[in-house]
Amino acid sequence: MIGSPGLGLEIQQAQNGGAVDTVYALIVLAGLVGIGVNSAVRLLERRVLVWYHGSGAARA
């Protein structure tokens, strides 16, 4: 195994154990992590590629 067990394994184990409330909580957590990562990457993109976004506005 390359990495440590992650959120997917926890969801699978909760599903196999019949813990429906835990499965839903972990799915919501995975969604929130995804939103956070997406927001961080978008912010980084705006800061690093300021020249790219500026040139796109000039063309429009």
N, C-alpha and C. Protein backbone atom coordinates (compact mmCIF):
# COMPACT_ATOMS: atom_id res chain seq x y z
N MET A 1 0.85 -1.18 0.00
CA MET A 1 0.00 0.00 0.00
C MET A 1 0.89 1.24 0.00
N ILE A 2 0.56 2.19 -0.85
CA ILE A 2 1.40 3.37 -1.00
C ILE A 2 1.17 4.38 0.12
N GLY A 3 -0.07 4.69 0.41
CA GLY A 3 -0.37 5.70 1.41
C GLY A 3 -1.17 5.12 2.56
N SER A 4 -1.47 5.98 3.49
CA SER A 4 -2.30 5.54 4.61
C SER A 4 -3.76 5.50 4.17
N PRO A 5 -4.56 4.71 4.86
CA PRO A 5 -5.99 4.65 4.52
C PRO A 5 -6.63 6.03 4.64
N GLY A 6 -7.49 6.33 3.71
CA GLY A 6 -8.06 7.67 3.68
C GLY A 6 -9.56 7.68 3.89
N LEU A 7 -10.14 8.75 3.44
CA LEU A 7 -11.56 8.98 3.64
C LEU A 7 -12.41 7.96 2.90
N GLY A 8 -11.96 7.54 1.74
CA GLY A 8 -12.70 6.54 0.98
C GLY A 8 -12.81 5.22 1.72
N LEU A 9 -11.73 4.81 2.34
CA LEU A 9 -11.75 3.57 3.12
C LEU A 9 -12.67 3.70 4.32
N GLU A 10 -12.65 4.85 4.95
CA GLU A 10 -13.54 5.08 6.10
C GLU A 10 -15.00 5.00 5.67
N ILE A 11 -15.32 5.57 4.52
CA ILE A 11 -16.70 5.51 4.01
C ILE A 11 -17.08 4.06 3.73
N GLN A 12 -16.18 3.34 3.11
CA GLN A 12 -16.46 1.94 2.78
C GLN A 12 -16.66 1.11 4.05
N GLN A 13 -15.83 1.30 5.04
CA GLN A 13 -15.97 0.55 6.28
C GLN A 13 -17.27 0.90 7.00
N ALA A 14 -17.65 2.17 6.99
CA ALA A 14 -18.90 2.58 7.62
C ALA A 14 -20.09 1.99 6.87
N GLN A 15 -19.98 1.94 5.55
CA GLN A 15 -21.05 1.35 4.74
C GLN A 15 -21.18 -0.14 5.04
N ASN A 16 -20.07 -0.83 5.09
CA ASN A 16 -20.10 -2.27 5.38
C ASN A 16 -20.61 -2.55 6.79
N GLY A 17 -20.37 -1.62 7.70
CA GLY A 17 -20.83 -1.79 9.08
C GLY A 17 -22.27 -1.35 9.30
N GLY A 18 -22.89 -0.78 8.28
CA GLY A 18 -24.27 -0.37 8.40
C GLY A 18 -24.48 0.95 9.12
N ALA A 19 -23.43 1.74 9.25
CA ALA A 19 -23.53 3.03 9.93
C ALA A 19 -23.90 4.11 8.91
N VAL A 20 -25.18 4.19 8.60
CA VAL A 20 -25.65 5.10 7.56
C VAL A 20 -25.36 6.55 7.91
N ASP A 21 -25.55 6.94 9.16
CA ASP A 21 -25.30 8.32 9.56
C ASP A 21 -23.83 8.69 9.38
N THR A 22 -22.94 7.77 9.68
CA THR A 22 -21.51 8.01 9.50
C THR A 22 -21.15 8.12 8.03
N VAL A 23 -21.78 7.31 7.19
CA VAL A 23 -21.52 7.37 5.75
C VAL A 23 -21.90 8.74 5.23
N TYR A 24 -23.09 9.22 5.58
CA TYR A 24 -23.52 10.54 5.12
C TYR A 24 -22.62 11.65 5.66
N ALA A 25 -22.21 11.55 6.89
CA ALA A 25 -21.33 12.56 7.47
C ALA A 25 -19.98 12.59 6.74
N LEU A 26 -19.45 11.42 6.42
CA LEU A 26 -18.16 11.37 5.72
C LEU A 26 -18.29 11.86 4.28
N ILE A 27 -19.44 11.61 3.64
CA ILE A 27 -19.65 12.12 2.29
C ILE A 27 -19.73 13.65 2.31
N VAL A 28 -20.42 14.20 3.29
CA VAL A 28 -20.48 15.66 3.42
C VAL A 28 -19.09 16.22 3.68
N LEU A 29 -18.33 15.55 4.53
CA LEU A 29 -16.96 15.98 4.81
C LEU A 29 -16.11 15.96 3.55
N ALA A 30 -16.24 14.92 2.74
CA ALA A 30 -15.48 14.84 1.49
C ALA A 30 -15.87 15.98 0.56
N GLY A 31 -17.14 16.33 0.51
CA GLY A 31 -17.58 17.46 -0.30
C GLY A 31 -17.01 18.77 0.18
N LEU A 32 -16.99 18.97 1.48
CA LEU A 32 -16.43 20.20 2.04
C LEU A 32 -14.92 20.31 1.79
N VAL A 33 -14.23 19.18 1.89
CA VAL A 33 -12.80 19.18 1.57
C VAL A 33 -12.60 19.53 0.10
N GLY A 34 -13.43 19.00 -0.77
CA GLY A 34 -13.34 19.31 -2.19
C GLY A 34 -13.57 20.78 -2.47
N ILE A 35 -14.57 21.36 -1.83
CA ILE A 35 -14.84 22.79 -2.00
C ILE A 35 -13.66 23.62 -1.50
N GLY A 36 -13.09 23.23 -0.38
CA GLY A 36 -11.93 23.95 0.16
C GLY A 36 -10.72 23.88 -0.74
N VAL A 37 -10.43 22.70 -1.26
CA VAL A 37 -9.28 22.55 -2.17
C VAL A 37 -9.52 23.35 -3.45
N ASN A 38 -10.74 23.29 -3.98
CA ASN A 38 -11.06 24.04 -5.19
C ASN A 38 -10.89 25.54 -4.96
N SER A 39 -11.36 26.04 -3.84
CA SER A 39 -11.22 27.46 -3.53
C SER A 39 -9.76 27.87 -3.40
N ALA A 40 -8.97 27.03 -2.76
CA ALA A 40 -7.55 27.33 -2.59
C ALA A 40 -6.82 27.36 -3.94
N VAL A 41 -7.14 26.42 -4.81
CA VAL A 41 -6.48 26.38 -6.13
C VAL A 41 -6.92 27.57 -6.97
N ARG A 42 -8.19 27.95 -6.90
CA ARG A 42 -8.65 29.11 -7.66
C ARG A 42 -7.98 30.38 -7.18
N LEU A 43 -7.80 30.53 -5.86
CA LEU A 43 -7.11 31.70 -5.32
C LEU A 43 -5.66 31.71 -5.77
N LEU A 44 -5.00 30.58 -5.71
CA LEU A 44 -3.62 30.48 -6.16
C LEU A 44 -3.50 30.80 -7.64
N GLU A 45 -4.45 30.31 -8.43
CA GLU A 45 -4.44 30.58 -9.86
C GLU A 45 -4.58 32.07 -10.14
N ARG A 46 -5.47 32.73 -9.42
CA ARG A 46 -5.64 34.18 -9.62
C ARG A 46 -4.38 34.95 -9.26
N ARG A 47 -3.67 34.50 -8.25
CA ARG A 47 -2.46 35.22 -7.83
C ARG A 47 -1.27 34.94 -8.75
N VAL A 48 -1.14 33.69 -9.19
CA VAL A 48 0.02 33.29 -9.98
C VAL A 48 -0.16 33.68 -11.45
N LEU A 49 -1.38 33.55 -11.96
CA LEU A 49 -1.63 33.80 -13.38
C LEU A 49 -2.34 35.13 -13.59
N VAL A 50 -1.93 36.15 -12.85
CA VAL A 50 -2.57 37.45 -12.97
C VAL A 50 -2.39 38.01 -14.38
N TRP A 51 -1.27 37.72 -15.03
CA TRP A 51 -1.03 38.19 -16.39
C TRP A 51 -1.99 37.53 -17.38
N TYR A 52 -2.35 36.29 -17.13
CA TYR A 52 -3.24 35.56 -18.03
C TYR A 52 -4.67 36.11 -17.93
N HIS A 53 -5.14 36.32 -16.72
CA HIS A 53 -6.50 36.83 -16.53
C HIS A 53 -6.60 38.27 -17.01
N GLY A 54 -5.54 39.02 -16.85
CA GLY A 54 -5.54 40.41 -17.33
C GLY A 54 -5.61 40.50 -18.84
N SER A 55 -4.91 39.63 -19.54
CA SER A 55 -4.93 39.67 -20.99
C SER A 55 -6.25 39.19 -21.56
N GLY A 56 -6.95 38.29 -20.85
CA GLY A 56 -8.25 37.82 -21.29
C GLY A 56 -9.30 38.92 -21.20
N ALA A 57 -9.18 39.78 -20.19
CA ALA A 57 -10.13 40.88 -20.04
C ALA A 57 -9.93 41.92 -21.14
N ALA A 58 -8.69 42.08 -21.62
CA ALA A 58 -8.40 43.08 -22.65
C ALA A 58 -8.97 42.65 -24.00
N ARG A 59 -9.04 41.33 -24.23
CA ARG A 59 -9.53 40.82 -25.51
C ARG A 59 -11.05 40.94 -25.62
N ALA A 60 -11.74 40.90 -24.52
CA ALA A 60 -13.21 40.86 -24.54
C ALA A 60 -13.84 42.19 -24.88
